[in-house]
Amino acid sequence: MQRHTPLGYQIQNGRAEIQPESADLVREIFDSYLHGSSTGRIAKDLTQRGILNANQKPSWSHGSVVNILDNSRYIGDAFY
């Protein structure tokens, strides 16, 4: 069960709105994976760059990257 708003979104007036900066990061994660980077490599890169994850910590794991890649909301599934 997801307990927070997905990375790239924020709640405004009861609706999920896209946050452009975070949405760009989500696109980057998908692009990196589609171009052959492993989830572990993506996580290592994001951590080394100090990019904050959904919990606002600069610490990524392959699992957190997999969660983004597996989240159907990023491919157009209804959200709020």
PDB file of N, CA and C in Angstrom:
ATOM      1  N   MET A   1       0.845  -1.188   0.000  1.00  0.00           N
ATOM      2  CA  MET A   1       0.000   0.000   0.000  1.00  0.00           C
ATOM      3  C   MET A   1       0.887   1.247   0.000  1.00  0.00           C
ATOM      4  N   GLN A   2       0.585   2.163  -0.860  1.00  0.00           N
ATOM      5  CA  GLN A   2       1.343   3.402  -0.944  1.00  0.00           C
ATOM      6  C   GLN A   2       0.856   4.369   0.116  1.00  0.00           C
ATOM      7  N   ARG A   3       1.782   4.984   0.827  1.00  0.00           N
ATOM      8  CA  ARG A   3       1.414   5.862   1.932  1.00  0.00           C
ATOM      9  C   ARG A   3       1.737   7.319   1.666  1.00  0.00           C
ATOM     10  N   HIS A   4       2.240   7.601   0.510  1.00  0.00           N
ATOM     11  CA  HIS A   4       2.585   8.986   0.176  1.00  0.00           C
ATOM     12  C   HIS A   4       2.208   9.261  -1.268  1.00  0.00           C
ATOM     13  N   THR A   5       2.199  10.511  -1.592  1.00  0.00           N
ATOM     14  CA  THR A   5       1.927  10.912  -2.965  1.00  0.00           C
ATOM     15  C   THR A   5       3.098  10.463  -3.830  1.00  0.00           C
ATOM     16  N   PRO A   6       2.836   9.874  -4.971  1.00  0.00           N
ATOM     17  CA  PRO A   6       3.931   9.404  -5.830  1.00  0.00           C
ATOM     18  C   PRO A   6       4.877  10.546  -6.206  1.00  0.00           C
ATOM     19  N   LEU A   7       6.144  10.210  -6.327  1.00  0.00           N
ATOM     20  CA  LEU A   7       7.160  11.165  -6.744  1.00  0.00           C
ATOM     21  C   LEU A   7       6.728  11.809  -8.052  1.00  0.00           C
ATOM     22  N   GLY A   8       6.824  13.129  -8.126  1.00  0.00           N
ATOM     23  CA  GLY A   8       6.432  13.849  -9.335  1.00  0.00           C
ATOM     24  C   GLY A   8       5.065  14.491  -9.240  1.00  0.00           C
ATOM     25  N   TYR A   9       4.337  14.187  -8.157  1.00  0.00           N
ATOM     26  CA  TYR A   9       3.009  14.753  -7.946  1.00  0.00           C
ATOM     27  C   TYR A   9       2.956  15.496  -6.610  1.00  0.00           C
ATOM     28  N   GLN A  10       2.022  16.416  -6.500  1.00  0.00           N
ATOM     29  CA  GLN A  10       1.680  17.030  -5.212  1.00  0.00           C
ATOM     30  C   GLN A  10       0.168  17.225  -5.203  1.00  0.00           C
ATOM     31  N   ILE A  11      -0.414  17.240  -4.030  1.00  0.00           N
ATOM     32  CA  ILE A  11      -1.852  17.403  -3.920  1.00  0.00           C
ATOM     33  C   ILE A  11      -2.163  18.897  -3.804  1.00  0.00           C
ATOM     34  N   GLN A  12      -2.991  19.387  -4.701  1.00  0.00           N
ATOM     35  CA  GLN A  12      -3.439  20.780  -4.715  1.00  0.00           C
ATOM     36  C   GLN A  12      -4.961  20.776  -4.836  1.00  0.00           C
ATOM     37  N   ASN A  13      -5.633  21.361  -3.858  1.00  0.00           N
ATOM     38  CA  ASN A  13      -7.095  21.431  -3.880  1.00  0.00           C
ATOM     39  C   ASN A  13      -7.738  20.054  -4.072  1.00  0.00           C
ATOM     40  N   GLY A  14      -7.177  19.049  -3.413  1.00  0.00           N
ATOM     41  CA  GLY A  14      -7.734  17.714  -3.458  1.00  0.00           C
ATOM     42  C   GLY A  14      -7.436  16.925  -4.719  1.00  0.00           C
ATOM     43  N   ARG A  15      -6.613  17.472  -5.597  1.00  0.00           N
ATOM     44  CA  ARG A  15      -6.266  16.791  -6.849  1.00  0.00           C
ATOM     45  C   ARG A  15      -4.754  16.618  -6.953  1.00  0.00           C
ATOM     46  N   ALA A  16      -4.360  15.561  -7.603  1.00  0.00           N
ATOM     47  CA  ALA A  16      -2.935  15.332  -7.841  1.00  0.00           C
ATOM     48  C   ALA A  16      -2.490  16.202  -9.010  1.00  0.00           C
ATOM     49  N   GLU A  17      -1.496  17.025  -8.772  1.00  0.00           N
ATOM     50  CA  GLU A  17      -0.932  17.889  -9.806  1.00  0.00           C
ATOM     51  C   GLU A  17       0.523  17.492 -10.038  1.00  0.00           C
ATOM     52  N   ILE A  18       0.945  17.552 -11.277  1.00  0.00           N
ATOM     53  CA  ILE A  18       2.320  17.197 -11.618  1.00  0.00           C
ATOM     54  C   ILE A  18       3.273  18.290 -11.152  1.00  0.00           C
ATOM     55  N   GLN A  19       4.379  17.882 -10.502  1.00  0.00           N
ATOM     56  CA  GLN A  19       5.472  18.781 -10.146  1.00  0.00           C
ATOM     57  C   GLN A  19       6.513  18.654 -11.253  1.00  0.00           C
ATOM     58  N   PRO A  20       6.711  19.690 -12.051  1.00  0.00           N
ATOM     59  CA  PRO A  20       7.595  19.567 -13.215  1.00  0.00           C
ATOM     60  C   PRO A  20       8.999  19.044 -12.911  1.00  0.00           C
ATOM     61  N   GLU A  21       9.647  19.530 -11.852  1.00  0.00           N
ATOM     62  CA  GLU A  21      11.021  19.101 -11.568  1.00  0.00           C
ATOM     63  C   GLU A  21      11.070  17.618 -11.220  1.00  0.00           C
ATOM     64  N   SER A  22      10.150  17.182 -10.373  1.00  0.00           N
ATOM     65  CA  SER A  22      10.126  15.773  -9.990  1.00  0.00           C
ATOM     66  C   SER A  22       9.661  14.896 -11.143  1.00  0.00           C
ATOM     67  N   ALA A  23       8.751  15.396 -11.946  1.00  0.00           N
ATOM     68  CA  ALA A  23       8.290  14.631 -13.109  1.00  0.00           C
ATOM     69  C   ALA A  23       9.451  14.411 -14.077  1.00  0.00           C
ATOM     70  N   ASP A  24      10.327  15.398 -14.210  1.00  0.00           N
ATOM     71  CA  ASP A  24      11.506  15.237 -15.058  1.00  0.00           C
ATOM     72  C   ASP A  24      12.391  14.116 -14.534  1.00  0.00           C
ATOM     73  N   LEU A  25      12.508  14.004 -13.207  1.00  0.00           N
ATOM     74  CA  LEU A  25      13.297  12.936 -12.606  1.00  0.00           C
ATOM     75  C   LEU A  25      12.676  11.572 -12.910  1.00  0.00           C
ATOM     76  N   VAL A  26      11.374  11.469 -12.809  1.00  0.00           N
ATOM     77  CA  VAL A  26      10.687  10.212 -13.123  1.00  0.00           C
ATOM     78  C   VAL A  26      10.942   9.841 -14.580  1.00  0.00           C
ATOM     79  N   ARG A  27      10.854  10.804 -15.478  1.00  0.00           N
ATOM     80  CA  ARG A  27      11.143  10.541 -16.900  1.00  0.00           C
ATOM     81  C   ARG A  27      12.589  10.064 -17.079  1.00  0.00           C
ATOM     82  N   GLU A  28      13.504  10.696 -16.355  1.00  0.00           N
ATOM     83  CA  GLU A  28      14.913  10.309 -16.433  1.00  0.00           C
ATOM     84  C   GLU A  28      15.104   8.859 -15.984  1.00  0.00           C
ATOM     85  N   ILE A  29      14.423   8.466 -14.910  1.00  0.00           N
ATOM     86  CA  ILE A  29      14.523   7.096 -14.409  1.00  0.00           C
ATOM     87  C   ILE A  29      14.018   6.122 -15.469  1.00  0.00           C
ATOM     88  N   PHE A  30      12.867   6.408 -16.056  1.00  0.00           N
ATOM     89  CA  PHE A  30      12.333   5.537 -17.110  1.00  0.00           C
ATOM     90  C   PHE A  30      13.275   5.500 -18.309  1.00  0.00           C
ATOM     91  N   ASP A  31      13.769   6.644 -18.733  1.00  0.00           N
ATOM     92  CA  ASP A  31      14.676   6.691 -19.886  1.00  0.00           C
ATOM     93  C   ASP A  31      15.950   5.893 -19.627  1.00  0.00           C
ATOM     94  N   SER A  32      16.527   6.061 -18.438  1.00  0.00           N
ATOM     95  CA  SER A  32      17.754   5.329 -18.100  1.00  0.00           C
ATOM     96  C   SER A  32      17.520   3.823 -18.141  1.00  0.00           C
ATOM     97  N   TYR A  33      16.407   3.409 -17.574  1.00  0.00           N
ATOM     98  CA  TYR A  33      16.089   1.979 -17.560  1.00  0.00           C
ATOM     99  C   TYR A  33      15.853   1.460 -18.975  1.00  0.00           C
ATOM    100  N   LEU A  34      15.119   2.211 -19.778  1.00  0.00           N
ATOM    101  CA  LEU A  34      14.843   1.777 -21.148  1.00  0.00           C
ATOM    102  C   LEU A  34      16.099   1.743 -22.016  1.00  0.00           C
ATOM    103  N   HIS A  35      17.112   2.526 -21.616  1.00  0.00           N
ATOM    104  CA  HIS A  35      18.368   2.530 -22.361  1.00  0.00           C
ATOM    105  C   HIS A  35      19.396   1.559 -21.779  1.00  0.00           C
ATOM    106  N   GLY A  36      18.939   0.671 -20.876  1.00  0.00           N
ATOM    107  CA  GLY A  36      19.800  -0.411 -20.428  1.00  0.00           C
ATOM    108  C   GLY A  36      20.412  -0.297 -19.050  1.00  0.00           C
ATOM    109  N   SER A  37      20.202   0.791 -18.336  1.00  0.00           N
ATOM    110  CA  SER A  37      20.749   0.897 -16.982  1.00  0.00           C
ATOM    111  C   SER A  37      19.972  -0.014 -16.043  1.00  0.00           C
ATOM    112  N   SER A  38      20.680  -0.659 -15.138  1.00  0.00           N
ATOM    113  CA  SER A  38      20.013  -1.494 -14.141  1.00  0.00           C
ATOM    114  C   SER A  38      19.391  -0.602 -13.067  1.00  0.00           C
ATOM    115  N   THR A  39      18.443  -1.162 -12.336  1.00  0.00           N
ATOM    116  CA  THR A  39      17.821  -0.386 -11.264  1.00  0.00           C
ATOM    117  C   THR A  39      18.852  -0.037 -10.189  1.00  0.00           C
ATOM    118  N   GLY A  40      19.798  -0.943  -9.938  1.00  0.00           N
ATOM    119  CA  GLY A  40      20.863  -0.658  -8.974  1.00  0.00           C
ATOM    120  C   GLY A  40      21.752   0.480  -9.420  1.00  0.00           C
ATOM    121  N   ARG A  41      22.084   0.513 -10.706  1.00  0.00           N
ATOM    122  CA  ARG A  41      22.931   1.588 -11.259  1.00  0.00           C
ATOM    123  C   ARG A  41      22.203   2.926 -11.206  1.00  0.00           C
ATOM    124  N   ILE A  42      20.927   2.913 -11.524  1.00  0.00           N
ATOM    125  CA  ILE A  42      20.135   4.152 -11.458  1.00  0.00           C
ATOM    126  C   ILE A  42      20.091   4.655 -10.018  1.00  0.00           C
ATOM    127  N   ALA A  43      19.840   3.745  -9.078  1.00  0.00           N
ATOM    128  CA  ALA A  43      19.779   4.129  -7.662  1.00  0.00           C
ATOM    129  C   ALA A  43      21.115   4.704  -7.192  1.00  0.00           C
ATOM    130  N   LYS A  44      22.207   4.066  -7.578  1.00  0.00           N
ATOM    131  CA  LYS A  44      23.545   4.545  -7.191  1.00  0.00           C
ATOM    132  C   LYS A  44      23.797   5.941  -7.748  1.00  0.00           C
ATOM    133  N   ASP A  45      23.434   6.145  -9.004  1.00  0.00           N
ATOM    134  CA  ASP A  45      23.621   7.451  -9.644  1.00  0.00           C
ATOM    135  C   ASP A  45      22.807   8.540  -8.940  1.00  0.00           C
ATOM    136  N   LEU A  46      21.542   8.254  -8.640  1.00  0.00           N
ATOM    137  CA  LEU A  46      20.689   9.239  -7.975  1.00  0.00           C
ATOM    138  C   LEU A  46      21.220   9.571  -6.582  1.00  0.00           C
ATOM    139  N   THR A  47      21.689   8.560  -5.868  1.00  0.00           N
ATOM    140  CA  THR A  47      22.249   8.767  -4.534  1.00  0.00           C
ATOM    141  C   THR A  47      23.517   9.611  -4.613  1.00  0.00           C
ATOM    142  N   GLN A  48      24.400   9.275  -5.552  1.00  0.00           N
ATOM    143  CA  GLN A  48      25.647  10.031  -5.713  1.00  0.00           C
ATOM    144  C   GLN A  48      25.385  11.486  -6.071  1.00  0.00           C
ATOM    145  N   ARG A  49      24.321  11.733  -6.802  1.00  0.00           N
ATOM    146  CA  ARG A  49      23.971  13.109  -7.193  1.00  0.00           C
ATOM    147  C   ARG A  49      23.230  13.853  -6.091  1.00  0.00           C
ATOM    148  N   GLY A  50      22.890  13.162  -5.011  1.00  0.00           N
ATOM    149  CA  GLY A  50      22.200  13.812  -3.890  1.00  0.00           C
ATOM    150  C   GLY A  50      20.739  14.120  -4.169  1.00  0.00           C
ATOM    151  N   ILE A  51      20.147  13.404  -5.105  1.00  0.00           N
ATOM    152  CA  ILE A  51      18.738  13.626  -5.470  1.00  0.00           C
ATOM    153  C   ILE A  51      17.861  13.056  -4.362  1.00  0.00           C
ATOM    154  N   LEU A  52      16.876  13.824  -3.933  1.00  0.00           N
ATOM    155  CA  LEU A  52      15.983  13.381  -2.868  1.00  0.00           C
ATOM    156  C   LEU A  52      14.958  12.391  -3.410  1.00  0.00           C
ATOM    157  N   ASN A  53      14.712  11.332  -2.632  1.00  0.00           N
ATOM    158  CA  ASN A  53      13.691  10.363  -3.011  1.00  0.00           C
ATOM    159  C   ASN A  53      12.321  10.836  -2.505  1.00  0.00           C
ATOM    160  N   ALA A  54      11.308  10.007  -2.617  1.00  0.00           N
ATOM    161  CA  ALA A  54       9.951  10.382  -2.209  1.00  0.00           C
ATOM    162  C   ALA A  54       9.847  10.681  -0.716  1.00  0.00           C
ATOM    163  N   ASN A  55      10.787  10.145   0.069  1.00  0.00           N
ATOM    164  CA  ASN A  55      10.818  10.413   1.511  1.00  0.00           C
ATOM    165  C   ASN A  55      11.708  11.600   1.857  1.00  0.00           C
ATOM    166  N   GLN A  56      12.115  12.335   0.822  1.00  0.00           N
ATOM    167  CA  GLN A  56      12.948  13.532   0.974  1.00  0.00           C
ATOM    168  C   GLN A  56      14.322  13.220   1.571  1.00  0.00           C
ATOM    169  N   LYS A  57      14.870  12.056   1.196  1.00  0.00           N
ATOM    170  CA  LYS A  57      16.210  11.660   1.631  1.00  0.00           C
ATOM    171  C   LYS A  57      17.052  11.366   0.393  1.00  0.00           C
ATOM    172  N   PRO A  58      18.333  11.724   0.421  1.00  0.00           N
ATOM    173  CA  PRO A  58      19.190  11.487  -0.738  1.00  0.00           C
ATOM    174  C   PRO A  58      19.763  10.067  -0.750  1.00  0.00           C
ATOM    175  N   SER A  59      18.890   9.104  -0.544  1.00  0.00           N
ATOM    176  CA  SER A  59      19.315   7.716  -0.455  1.00  0.00           C
ATOM    177  C   SER A  59      18.344   6.857  -1.257  1.00  0.00           C
ATOM    178  N   TRP A  60      18.844   6.264  -2.329  1.00  0.00           N
ATOM    179  CA  TRP A  60      18.024   5.454  -3.220  1.00  0.00           C
ATOM    180  C   TRP A  60      18.482   4.012  -3.160  1.00  0.00           C
ATOM    181  N   SER A  61      17.556   3.093  -3.343  1.00  0.00           N
ATOM    182  CA  SER A  61      17.879   1.673  -3.465  1.00  0.00           C
ATOM    183  C   SER A  61      17.294   1.175  -4.780  1.00  0.00           C
ATOM    184  N   HIS A  62      17.727  -0.005  -5.192  1.00  0.00           N
ATOM    185  CA  HIS A  62      17.145  -0.535  -6.426  1.00  0.00           C
ATOM    186  C   HIS A  62      15.646  -0.737  -6.241  1.00  0.00           C
ATOM    187  N   GLY A  63      15.207  -1.047  -5.019  1.00  0.00           N
ATOM    188  CA  GLY A  63      13.786  -1.239  -4.742  1.00  0.00           C
ATOM    189  C   GLY A  63      12.975   0.030  -4.939  1.00  0.00           C
ATOM    190  N   SER A  64      13.535   1.174  -4.551  1.00  0.00           N
ATOM    191  CA  SER A  64      12.802   2.426  -4.735  1.00  0.00           C
ATOM    192  C   SER A  64      12.677   2.768  -6.222  1.00  0.00           C
ATOM    193  N   VAL A  65      13.683   2.425  -6.996  1.00  0.00           N
ATOM    194  CA  VAL A  65      13.615   2.634  -8.447  1.00  0.00           C
ATOM    195  C   VAL A  65      12.597   1.673  -9.060  1.00  0.00           C
ATOM    196  N   VAL A  66      12.617   0.419  -8.632  1.00  0.00           N
ATOM    197  CA  VAL A  66      11.648  -0.568  -9.128  1.00  0.00           C
ATOM    198  C   VAL A  66      10.228  -0.115  -8.810  1.00  0.00           C
ATOM    199  N   ASN A  67      10.016   0.433  -7.618  1.00  0.00           N
ATOM    200  CA  ASN A  67       8.676   0.906  -7.251  1.00  0.00           C
ATOM    201  C   ASN A  67       8.175   1.977  -8.212  1.00  0.00           C
ATOM    202  N   ILE A  68       9.064   2.849  -8.652  1.00  0.00           N
ATOM    203  CA  ILE A  68       8.669   3.869  -9.628  1.00  0.00           C
ATOM    204  C   ILE A  68       8.352   3.211 -10.967  1.00  0.00           C
ATOM    205  N   LEU A  69       9.206   2.318 -11.409  1.00  0.00           N
ATOM    206  CA  LEU A  69       9.010   1.661 -12.698  1.00  0.00           C
ATOM    207  C   LEU A  69       7.753   0.793 -12.721  1.00  0.00           C
ATOM    208  N   ASP A  70       7.393   0.233 -11.584  1.00  0.00           N
ATOM    209  CA  ASP A  70       6.211  -0.639 -11.493  1.00  0.00           C
ATOM    210  C   ASP A  70       4.920   0.111 -11.181  1.00  0.00           C
ATOM    211  N   ASN A  71       5.002   1.402 -10.884  1.00  0.00           N
ATOM    212  CA  ASN A  71       3.826   2.161 -10.474  1.00  0.00           C
ATOM    213  C   ASN A  71       2.987   2.517 -11.703  1.00  0.00           C
ATOM    214  N   SER A  72       1.802   1.948 -11.788  1.00  0.00           N
ATOM    215  CA  SER A  72       0.947   2.152 -12.965  1.00  0.00           C
ATOM    216  C   SER A  72       0.484   3.599 -13.118  1.00  0.00           C
ATOM    217  N   ARG A  73       0.571   4.397 -12.083  1.00  0.00           N
ATOM    218  CA  ARG A  73       0.165   5.804 -12.195  1.00  0.00           C
ATOM    219  C   ARG A  73       1.056   6.587 -13.148  1.00  0.00           C
ATOM    220  N   TYR A  74       2.282   6.113 -13.333  1.00  0.00           N
ATOM    221  CA  TYR A  74       3.194   6.809 -14.235  1.00  0.00           C
ATOM    222  C   TYR A  74       2.943   6.499 -15.701  1.00  0.00           C
ATOM    223  N   ILE A  75       2.089   5.523 -15.972  1.00  0.00           N
ATOM    224  CA  ILE A  75       1.796   5.202 -17.367  1.00  0.00           C
ATOM    225  C   ILE A  75       0.359   5.508 -17.720  1.00  0.00           C
ATOM    226  N   GLY A  76      -0.274   6.381 -16.929  1.00  0.00           N
ATOM    227  CA  GLY A  76      -1.586   6.881 -17.288  1.00  0.00           C
ATOM    228  C   GLY A  76      -2.755   6.303 -16.514  1.00  0.00           C
ATOM    229  N   ASP A  77      -2.500   5.447 -15.520  1.00  0.00           N
ATOM    230  CA  ASP A  77      -3.593   4.928 -14.712  1.00  0.00           C
ATOM    231  C   ASP A  77      -4.205   6.085 -13.913  1.00  0.00           C
ATOM    232  N   ALA A  78      -5.496   6.053 -13.676  1.00  0.00           N
ATOM    233  CA  ALA A  78      -6.193   7.117 -12.958  1.00  0.00           C
ATOM    234  C   ALA A  78      -5.575   7.322 -11.576  1.00  0.00           C
ATOM    235  N   PHE A  79      -5.469   8.565 -11.175  1.00  0.00           N
ATOM    236  CA  PHE A  79      -4.899   8.924  -9.869  1.00  0.00           C
ATOM    237  C   PHE A  79      -5.711  10.062  -9.305  1.00  0.00           C
ATOM    238  N   TYR A  80      -6.326   9.836  -8.172  1.00  0.00           N
ATOM    239  CA  TYR A  80      -7.191  10.802  -7.484  1.00  0.00           C
ATOM    240  C   TYR A  80      -8.244  11.336  -8.425  1.00  0.00           C
TER     241      TYR A  80
END
